[in-house]
Amino acid sequence: MAFEEKRAWIMGLVAVAGYAAYVVIVLGRADGGPLADVSYAGPLLATVGGSIVASIALNIVVSIVSPEGANEKDQRDREIHRLGDHIGQSFLVVGGVAALAMALADWDQFWIANVIYLGFVLSAVVGSAAKIVAYRRGFQSW
């Protein structure tokens, strides 16, 4: 497995785990009440920060355990990275537009913050999935 594919797996899994932890915490705090009344800022910041730290730590561990190719990128790696980033960034745009529409419609801050967070998570997961598929099945370079 290419080292960059390992990085894609790490990013995708950490994003899913971090968001799942956030959802469990927020739903646990709701306790049957409206979600918009839940204190979400602390868990959101904690799971984003924890995801960043976990991703960095896992990349370091993988670099130590299997150092072959850790500092090498060939043309194929760069093209796959670019492809995955372009696919993932579309979800950032969709999340940003949705948040803008929600803000213009005067929605609660809870929903706006959560749609932005979801956009970031989907960007990481879908971008990572695109990279993994490209590594596993190949891709058409234009």
C-alpha atoms as a PDB file:
ATOM      1  CA  MET A   1       0.000   0.000   0.000  1.00  0.00           C
ATOM      2  CA  ALA A   2       1.337   3.421  -0.942  1.00  0.00           C
ATOM      3  CA  PHE A   3       2.130   5.713   1.958  1.00  0.00           C
ATOM      4  CA  GLU A   4      -0.213   8.397   0.638  1.00  0.00           C
ATOM      5  CA  GLU A   5      -3.011   5.821   0.582  1.00  0.00           C
ATOM      6  CA  LYS A   6      -2.308   5.149   4.265  1.00  0.00           C
ATOM      7  CA  ARG A   7      -2.640   8.877   4.910  1.00  0.00           C
ATOM      8  CA  ALA A   8      -5.986   8.908   3.112  1.00  0.00           C
ATOM      9  CA  TRP A   9      -7.209   6.027   5.290  1.00  0.00           C
ATOM     10  CA  ILE A  10      -6.081   7.864   8.422  1.00  0.00           C
ATOM     11  CA  MET A  11      -7.816  11.093   7.426  1.00  0.00           C
ATOM     12  CA  GLY A  12     -11.070   9.370   6.516  1.00  0.00           C
ATOM     13  CA  LEU A  13     -11.236   7.210   9.630  1.00  0.00           C
ATOM     14  CA  VAL A  14     -10.250   9.992  12.017  1.00  0.00           C
ATOM     15  CA  ALA A  15     -12.868  12.309  10.475  1.00  0.00           C
ATOM     16  CA  VAL A  16     -15.603   9.691  10.889  1.00  0.00           C
ATOM     17  CA  ALA A  17     -14.547   8.833  14.452  1.00  0.00           C
ATOM     18  CA  GLY A  18     -14.318  12.485  15.511  1.00  0.00           C
ATOM     19  CA  TYR A  19     -17.705  13.380  14.069  1.00  0.00           C
ATOM     20  CA  ALA A  20     -19.302  10.271  15.551  1.00  0.00           C
ATOM     21  CA  ALA A  21     -17.946  11.231  18.980  1.00  0.00           C
ATOM     22  CA  TYR A  22     -19.316  14.749  18.546  1.00  0.00           C
ATOM     23  CA  VAL A  23     -22.774  13.490  17.562  1.00  0.00           C
ATOM     24  CA  VAL A  24     -22.887  11.094  20.524  1.00  0.00           C
ATOM     25  CA  ILE A  25     -21.903  13.878  22.937  1.00  0.00           C
ATOM     26  CA  VAL A  26     -24.406  16.380  21.549  1.00  0.00           C
ATOM     27  CA  LEU A  27     -27.263  13.881  21.422  1.00  0.00           C
ATOM     28  CA  GLY A  28     -26.418  12.808  24.968  1.00  0.00           C
ATOM     29  CA  ARG A  29     -26.603  16.406  26.137  1.00  0.00           C
ATOM     30  CA  ALA A  30     -29.947  16.961  24.402  1.00  0.00           C
ATOM     31  CA  ASP A  31     -31.693  14.552  26.768  1.00  0.00           C
ATOM     32  CA  GLY A  32     -34.929  14.770  24.817  1.00  0.00           C
ATOM     33  CA  GLY A  33     -34.896  18.557  24.526  1.00  0.00           C
ATOM     34  CA  PRO A  34     -34.386  20.655  21.398  1.00  0.00           C
ATOM     35  CA  LEU A  35     -30.947  20.240  19.820  1.00  0.00           C
ATOM     36  CA  ALA A  36     -30.581  23.985  19.285  1.00  0.00           C
ATOM     37  CA  ASP A  37     -30.509  24.453  23.079  1.00  0.00           C
ATOM     38  CA  VAL A  38     -27.575  22.079  23.577  1.00  0.00           C
ATOM     39  CA  SER A  39     -24.161  23.469  24.505  1.00  0.00           C
ATOM     40  CA  TYR A  40     -22.241  22.360  21.416  1.00  0.00           C
ATOM     41  CA  ALA A  41     -19.230  24.683  21.128  1.00  0.00           C
ATOM     42  CA  GLY A  42     -17.019  22.830  23.607  1.00  0.00           C
ATOM     43  CA  PRO A  43     -17.576  19.370  22.120  1.00  0.00           C
ATOM     44  CA  LEU A  44     -17.197  20.732  18.586  1.00  0.00           C
ATOM     45  CA  LEU A  45     -13.866  22.368  19.358  1.00  0.00           C
ATOM     46  CA  ALA A  46     -12.687  19.343  21.362  1.00  0.00           C
ATOM     47  CA  THR A  47     -13.505  16.840  18.618  1.00  0.00           C
ATOM     48  CA  VAL A  48     -11.949  19.025  15.898  1.00  0.00           C
ATOM     49  CA  GLY A  49      -8.802  19.498  17.989  1.00  0.00           C
ATOM     50  CA  GLY A  50      -8.736  15.832  18.961  1.00  0.00           C
ATOM     51  CA  SER A  51      -9.101  14.806  15.329  1.00  0.00           C
ATOM     52  CA  ILE A  52      -6.177  17.010  14.313  1.00  0.00           C
ATOM     53  CA  VAL A  53      -3.973  15.634  17.089  1.00  0.00           C
ATOM     54  CA  ALA A  54      -5.021  12.032  16.359  1.00  0.00           C
ATOM     55  CA  SER A  55      -4.329  12.462  12.651  1.00  0.00           C
ATOM     56  CA  ILE A  56      -0.864  13.878  13.273  1.00  0.00           C
ATOM     57  CA  ALA A  57      -0.049  11.176  15.840  1.00  0.00           C
ATOM     58  CA  LEU A  58      -1.265   8.363  13.571  1.00  0.00           C
ATOM     59  CA  ASN A  59       0.722   9.719  10.633  1.00  0.00           C
ATOM     60  CA  ILE A  60       3.835   9.773  12.835  1.00  0.00           C
ATOM     61  CA  VAL A  61       3.192   6.233  14.052  1.00  0.00           C
ATOM     62  CA  VAL A  62       2.670   4.935  10.512  1.00  0.00           C
ATOM     63  CA  SER A  63       5.863   6.727   9.406  1.00  0.00           C
ATOM     64  CA  ILE A  64       7.809   5.019  12.179  1.00  0.00           C
ATOM     65  CA  VAL A  65       6.268   1.564  11.727  1.00  0.00           C
ATOM     66  CA  SER A  66       6.577   1.487   7.942  1.00  0.00           C
ATOM     67  CA  PRO A  67       8.974   4.233   6.858  1.00  0.00           C
ATOM     68  CA  GLU A  68       9.272   3.081   3.239  1.00  0.00           C
ATOM     69  CA  GLY A  69       7.941   5.825   1.001  1.00  0.00           C
ATOM     70  CA  ALA A  70       7.112   8.174   3.881  1.00  0.00           C
ATOM     71  CA  ASN A  71       8.936  11.118   2.319  1.00  0.00           C
ATOM     72  CA  GLU A  72       8.438  10.239  -1.321  1.00  0.00           C
ATOM     73  CA  LYS A  73       5.701  11.358  -3.693  1.00  0.00           C
ATOM     74  CA  ASP A  74       5.693  10.508  -7.350  1.00  0.00           C
ATOM     75  CA  GLN A  75       3.581  12.039 -10.117  1.00  0.00           C
ATOM     76  CA  ARG A  76       0.773   9.517  -9.555  1.00  0.00           C
ATOM     77  CA  ASP A  77       0.611  10.396  -5.835  1.00  0.00           C
ATOM     78  CA  ARG A  78       0.389  14.098  -6.646  1.00  0.00           C
ATOM     79  CA  GLU A  79      -2.368  13.586  -9.217  1.00  0.00           C
ATOM     80  CA  ILE A  80      -4.392  11.347  -6.900  1.00  0.00           C
ATOM     81  CA  HIS A  81      -3.983  13.867  -4.082  1.00  0.00           C
ATOM     82  CA  ARG A  82      -5.171  16.658  -6.370  1.00  0.00           C
ATOM     83  CA  LEU A  83      -8.150  14.613  -7.568  1.00  0.00           C
ATOM     84  CA  GLY A  84      -9.215  13.728  -4.017  1.00  0.00           C
ATOM     85  CA  ASP A  85      -8.860  17.323  -2.868  1.00  0.00           C
ATOM     86  CA  HIS A  86     -10.973  18.615  -5.739  1.00  0.00           C
ATOM     87  CA  ILE A  87     -13.710  16.094  -5.044  1.00  0.00           C
ATOM     88  CA  GLY A  88     -13.627  16.764  -1.301  1.00  0.00           C
ATOM     89  CA  GLN A  89     -13.632  20.537  -1.679  1.00  0.00           C
ATOM     90  CA  SER A  90     -17.009  20.424  -3.380  1.00  0.00           C
ATOM     91  CA  PHE A  91     -18.495  19.478  -0.010  1.00  0.00           C
ATOM     92  CA  LEU A  92     -16.861  22.511   1.601  1.00  0.00           C
ATOM     93  CA  VAL A  93     -18.540  24.697  -0.990  1.00  0.00           C
ATOM     94  CA  VAL A  94     -21.922  23.025  -0.464  1.00  0.00           C
ATOM     95  CA  GLY A  95     -21.561  23.371   3.319  1.00  0.00           C
ATOM     96  CA  GLY A  96     -20.540  27.014   2.995  1.00  0.00           C
ATOM     97  CA  VAL A  97     -23.452  27.854   0.711  1.00  0.00           C
ATOM     98  CA  ALA A  98     -25.861  26.007   3.009  1.00  0.00           C
ATOM     99  CA  ALA A  99     -24.502  27.883   6.048  1.00  0.00           C
ATOM    100  CA  LEU A 100     -24.811  31.190   4.203  1.00  0.00           C
ATOM    101  CA  ALA A 101     -28.422  30.429   3.272  1.00  0.00           C
ATOM    102  CA  MET A 102     -29.155  29.399   6.849  1.00  0.00           C
ATOM    103  CA  ALA A 103     -27.607  32.617   8.189  1.00  0.00           C
ATOM    104  CA  LEU A 104     -29.615  34.718   5.738  1.00  0.00           C
ATOM    105  CA  ALA A 105     -32.760  32.882   6.818  1.00  0.00           C
ATOM    106  CA  ASP A 106     -31.919  33.688  10.455  1.00  0.00           C
ATOM    107  CA  TRP A 107     -31.489  30.088  11.585  1.00  0.00           C
ATOM    108  CA  ASP A 108     -30.065  29.295  15.018  1.00  0.00           C
ATOM    109  CA  GLN A 109     -26.257  29.319  15.336  1.00  0.00           C
ATOM    110  CA  PHE A 110     -26.338  25.651  16.342  1.00  0.00           C
ATOM    111  CA  TRP A 111     -27.545  24.573  12.901  1.00  0.00           C
ATOM    112  CA  ILE A 112     -25.188  26.875  11.025  1.00  0.00           C
ATOM    113  CA  ALA A 113     -22.150  25.652  12.977  1.00  0.00           C
ATOM    114  CA  ASN A 114     -23.193  22.042  12.521  1.00  0.00           C
ATOM    115  CA  VAL A 115     -23.702  22.307   8.764  1.00  0.00           C
ATOM    116  CA  ILE A 116     -20.227  23.835   8.453  1.00  0.00           C
ATOM    117  CA  TYR A 117     -18.727  21.048  10.582  1.00  0.00           C
ATOM    118  CA  LEU A 118     -20.566  18.436   8.534  1.00  0.00           C
ATOM    119  CA  GLY A 119     -19.220  20.030   5.341  1.00  0.00           C
ATOM    120  CA  PHE A 120     -15.659  19.703   6.648  1.00  0.00           C
ATOM    121  CA  VAL A 121     -16.230  16.092   7.687  1.00  0.00           C
ATOM    122  CA  LEU A 122     -17.810  15.139   4.361  1.00  0.00           C
ATOM    123  CA  SER A 123     -14.960  16.861   2.549  1.00  0.00           C
ATOM    124  CA  ALA A 124     -12.402  14.779   4.435  1.00  0.00           C
ATOM    125  CA  VAL A 125     -14.314  11.508   4.113  1.00  0.00           C
ATOM    126  CA  VAL A 126     -15.312  11.808   0.455  1.00  0.00           C
ATOM    127  CA  GLY A 127     -11.910  13.201  -0.546  1.00  0.00           C
ATOM    128  CA  SER A 128     -10.184  10.328   1.255  1.00  0.00           C
ATOM    129  CA  ALA A 129     -12.544   7.793  -0.320  1.00  0.00           C
ATOM    130  CA  ALA A 130     -11.787   9.207  -3.775  1.00  0.00           C
ATOM    131  CA  LYS A 131      -8.051   8.889  -3.115  1.00  0.00           C
ATOM    132  CA  ILE A 132      -8.412   5.313  -1.865  1.00  0.00           C
ATOM    133  CA  VAL A 133     -10.510   4.320  -4.881  1.00  0.00           C
ATOM    134  CA  ALA A 134      -7.961   5.940  -7.192  1.00  0.00           C
ATOM    135  CA  TYR A 135      -5.149   3.992  -5.549  1.00  0.00           C
ATOM    136  CA  ARG A 136      -7.075   0.714  -5.615  1.00  0.00           C
ATOM    137  CA  ARG A 137      -8.726   0.893  -9.036  1.00  0.00           C
ATOM    138  CA  GLY A 138      -6.717   3.482 -10.877  1.00  0.00           C
ATOM    139  CA  PHE A 139      -7.953   6.699 -12.360  1.00  0.00           C
ATOM    140  CA  GLN A 140      -8.073   8.520 -15.659  1.00  0.00           C
ATOM    141  CA  SER A 141      -5.686  11.433 -15.720  1.00  0.00           C
ATOM    142  CA  TRP A 142      -6.764  14.177 -18.048  1.00  0.00           C
END
